[in-house]
Amino acid sequence: MEQALRDEGFVTATAFDEAGAVAAAQRPGALGLLVASTDAIGMQAVRLADAVRRFHPALQVLYTVKSEDELLVEGLGLSGDDDVLEKPFSGSELVEAVSSLLR
């Protein structure tokens, strides 16, 4: 996932838990988008987004979800700046979704 974005010129940072994501958000530099997989953290992805938004209030979030997780998607409470990308997806689909959100 990260490599597909880097190949298209995006600067990325990877975190594997909420503490790592919050630490990355506190580093100097702009943070334009959070890609949060709901596989491992489910509804905690919303909490993660809220925690990172304390440092970047205008942050957009792209949640990646399994296609059968309709109830999860409904429960995410997406803001107008957020979106969902259903798994499985290709690297080019990820790049397209990220590019679309950042326009």
C-alpha atoms as a PDB file:
ATOM      1  CA  MET A   1       0.000   0.000   0.000  1.00  0.00           C
ATOM      2  CA  GLU A   2       2.687   2.464   1.009  1.00  0.00           C
ATOM      3  CA  GLN A   3       4.892   1.641  -1.970  1.00  0.00           C
ATOM      4  CA  ALA A   4       2.092   2.324  -4.462  1.00  0.00           C
ATOM      5  CA  LEU A   5       1.716   5.811  -2.996  1.00  0.00           C
ATOM      6  CA  ARG A   6       5.453   6.477  -2.922  1.00  0.00           C
ATOM      7  CA  ASP A   7       5.786   5.334  -6.524  1.00  0.00           C
ATOM      8  CA  GLU A   8       3.351   8.123  -7.442  1.00  0.00           C
ATOM      9  CA  GLY A   9       5.289  10.767  -5.520  1.00  0.00           C
ATOM     10  CA  PHE A  10       3.375  10.831  -2.248  1.00  0.00           C
ATOM     11  CA  VAL A  11       5.335  11.244   0.973  1.00  0.00           C
ATOM     12  CA  THR A  12       4.177   8.641   3.483  1.00  0.00           C
ATOM     13  CA  ALA A  13       4.614   7.710   7.118  1.00  0.00           C
ATOM     14  CA  THR A  14       3.536   4.360   8.509  1.00  0.00           C
ATOM     15  CA  ALA A  15       2.165   3.646  11.967  1.00  0.00           C
ATOM     16  CA  PHE A  16       0.876   0.363  13.286  1.00  0.00           C
ATOM     17  CA  ASP A  17      -1.097   1.650  16.256  1.00  0.00           C
ATOM     18  CA  GLU A  18      -2.702   4.783  17.643  1.00  0.00           C
ATOM     19  CA  ALA A  19       0.394   5.873  19.568  1.00  0.00           C
ATOM     20  CA  GLY A  20       2.540   5.625  16.450  1.00  0.00           C
ATOM     21  CA  ALA A  21       0.026   7.563  14.373  1.00  0.00           C
ATOM     22  CA  VAL A  22      -0.233  10.319  16.964  1.00  0.00           C
ATOM     23  CA  ALA A  23       3.577  10.504  17.169  1.00  0.00           C
ATOM     24  CA  ALA A  24       3.778  10.796  13.373  1.00  0.00           C
ATOM     25  CA  ALA A  25       1.129  13.527  13.436  1.00  0.00           C
ATOM     26  CA  GLN A  26       3.232  15.551  15.861  1.00  0.00           C
ATOM     27  CA  ARG A  27       6.282  15.599  13.577  1.00  0.00           C
ATOM     28  CA  PRO A  28       6.901  18.821  11.680  1.00  0.00           C
ATOM     29  CA  GLY A  29       5.332  19.027   8.253  1.00  0.00           C
ATOM     30  CA  ALA A  30       1.942  18.889   6.692  1.00  0.00           C
ATOM     31  CA  LEU A  31      -0.256  15.851   7.107  1.00  0.00           C
ATOM     32  CA  GLY A  32      -2.950  15.830   4.459  1.00  0.00           C
ATOM     33  CA  LEU A  33      -4.513  12.390   4.685  1.00  0.00           C
ATOM     34  CA  LEU A  34      -4.801   9.428   7.041  1.00  0.00           C
ATOM     35  CA  VAL A  35      -5.337   5.997   5.497  1.00  0.00           C
ATOM     36  CA  ALA A  36      -6.794   3.798   8.234  1.00  0.00           C
ATOM     37  CA  SER A  37      -7.423   0.091   7.767  1.00  0.00           C
ATOM     38  CA  THR A  38     -10.360  -1.202   9.753  1.00  0.00           C
ATOM     39  CA  ASP A  39      -9.164  -4.834   9.519  1.00  0.00           C
ATOM     40  CA  ALA A  40      -7.228  -4.817  12.731  1.00  0.00           C
ATOM     41  CA  ILE A  41      -8.801  -1.916  14.575  1.00  0.00           C
ATOM     42  CA  GLY A  42     -12.415  -1.756  13.382  1.00  0.00           C
ATOM     43  CA  MET A  43     -14.314   1.099  14.974  1.00  0.00           C
ATOM     44  CA  GLN A  44     -11.109   2.162  16.724  1.00  0.00           C
ATOM     45  CA  ALA A  45     -10.193   3.654  13.350  1.00  0.00           C
ATOM     46  CA  VAL A  46     -12.606   6.482  14.183  1.00  0.00           C
ATOM     47  CA  ARG A  47     -10.879   7.020  17.524  1.00  0.00           C
ATOM     48  CA  LEU A  48      -7.534   6.989  15.737  1.00  0.00           C
ATOM     49  CA  ALA A  49      -8.733   9.623  13.259  1.00  0.00           C
ATOM     50  CA  ASP A  50     -10.059  11.773  16.114  1.00  0.00           C
ATOM     51  CA  ALA A  51      -6.724  11.525  17.955  1.00  0.00           C
ATOM     52  CA  VAL A  52      -4.713  12.560  14.906  1.00  0.00           C
ATOM     53  CA  ARG A  53      -7.178  15.365  14.120  1.00  0.00           C
ATOM     54  CA  ARG A  54      -6.278  16.990  17.441  1.00  0.00           C
ATOM     55  CA  PHE A  55      -3.035  18.003  15.686  1.00  0.00           C
ATOM     56  CA  HIS A  56      -4.462  18.376  12.165  1.00  0.00           C
ATOM     57  CA  PRO A  57      -8.125  19.430  12.444  1.00  0.00           C
ATOM     58  CA  ALA A  58      -8.706  19.532   8.672  1.00  0.00           C
ATOM     59  CA  LEU A  59      -7.286  16.039   8.154  1.00  0.00           C
ATOM     60  CA  GLN A  60      -9.068  13.851   5.646  1.00  0.00           C
ATOM     61  CA  VAL A  61      -9.403  10.110   6.295  1.00  0.00           C
ATOM     62  CA  LEU A  62      -9.582   7.224   3.853  1.00  0.00           C
ATOM     63  CA  TYR A  63     -10.885   4.130   5.628  1.00  0.00           C
ATOM     64  CA  THR A  64     -10.070   0.804   3.977  1.00  0.00           C
ATOM     65  CA  VAL A  65     -12.686  -1.834   4.748  1.00  0.00           C
ATOM     66  CA  LYS A  66     -13.617  -5.336   3.680  1.00  0.00           C
ATOM     67  CA  SER A  67     -16.590  -5.215   1.334  1.00  0.00           C
ATOM     68  CA  GLU A  68     -18.756  -7.210   3.705  1.00  0.00           C
ATOM     69  CA  ASP A  69     -18.354  -4.641   6.487  1.00  0.00           C
ATOM     70  CA  GLU A  70     -21.426  -2.551   5.543  1.00  0.00           C
ATOM     71  CA  LEU A  71     -22.444  -2.070   9.172  1.00  0.00           C
ATOM     72  CA  LEU A  72     -18.968  -0.883  10.036  1.00  0.00           C
ATOM     73  CA  VAL A  73     -19.038   1.632   7.195  1.00  0.00           C
ATOM     74  CA  GLU A  74     -22.419   2.929   8.371  1.00  0.00           C
ATOM     75  CA  GLY A  75     -21.050   3.270  11.911  1.00  0.00           C
ATOM     76  CA  LEU A  76     -17.951   5.216  10.923  1.00  0.00           C
ATOM     77  CA  GLY A  77     -19.876   8.482  10.817  1.00  0.00           C
ATOM     78  CA  LEU A  78     -17.900   9.813   7.888  1.00  0.00           C
ATOM     79  CA  SER A  79     -17.415  13.537   7.619  1.00  0.00           C
ATOM     80  CA  GLY A  80     -17.713  15.226   4.259  1.00  0.00           C
ATOM     81  CA  ASP A  81     -13.931  15.029   3.881  1.00  0.00           C
ATOM     82  CA  ASP A  82     -13.666  11.279   4.515  1.00  0.00           C
ATOM     83  CA  ASP A  83     -14.108   8.336   2.194  1.00  0.00           C
ATOM     84  CA  VAL A  84     -14.102   4.537   2.142  1.00  0.00           C
ATOM     85  CA  LEU A  85     -12.149   2.211  -0.140  1.00  0.00           C
ATOM     86  CA  GLU A  86     -13.371  -1.377  -0.191  1.00  0.00           C
ATOM     87  CA  LYS A  87     -10.888  -4.244  -0.086  1.00  0.00           C
ATOM     88  CA  PRO A  88      -9.470  -5.822  -2.045  1.00  0.00           C
ATOM     89  CA  PHE A  89      -8.116  -2.925  -4.082  1.00  0.00           C
ATOM     90  CA  SER A  90      -5.159  -2.442  -6.361  1.00  0.00           C
ATOM     91  CA  GLY A  91      -2.334   0.011  -5.896  1.00  0.00           C
ATOM     92  CA  SER A  92      -3.737   2.147  -8.698  1.00  0.00           C
ATOM     93  CA  GLU A  93      -7.178   2.215  -7.034  1.00  0.00           C
ATOM     94  CA  LEU A  94      -5.551   3.360  -3.799  1.00  0.00           C
ATOM     95  CA  VAL A  95      -3.622   6.086  -5.612  1.00  0.00           C
ATOM     96  CA  GLU A  96      -6.832   7.205  -7.341  1.00  0.00           C
ATOM     97  CA  ALA A  97      -8.752   7.360  -4.042  1.00  0.00           C
ATOM     98  CA  VAL A  98      -5.969   9.290  -2.303  1.00  0.00           C
ATOM     99  CA  SER A  99      -5.577  11.693  -5.223  1.00  0.00           C
ATOM    100  CA  SER A 100      -9.325  12.301  -5.298  1.00  0.00           C
ATOM    101  CA  LEU A 101      -9.444  13.174  -1.590  1.00  0.00           C
ATOM    102  CA  LEU A 102      -6.467  15.501  -1.797  1.00  0.00           C
ATOM    103  CA  ARG A 103      -7.833  17.606  -4.689  1.00  0.00           C
END
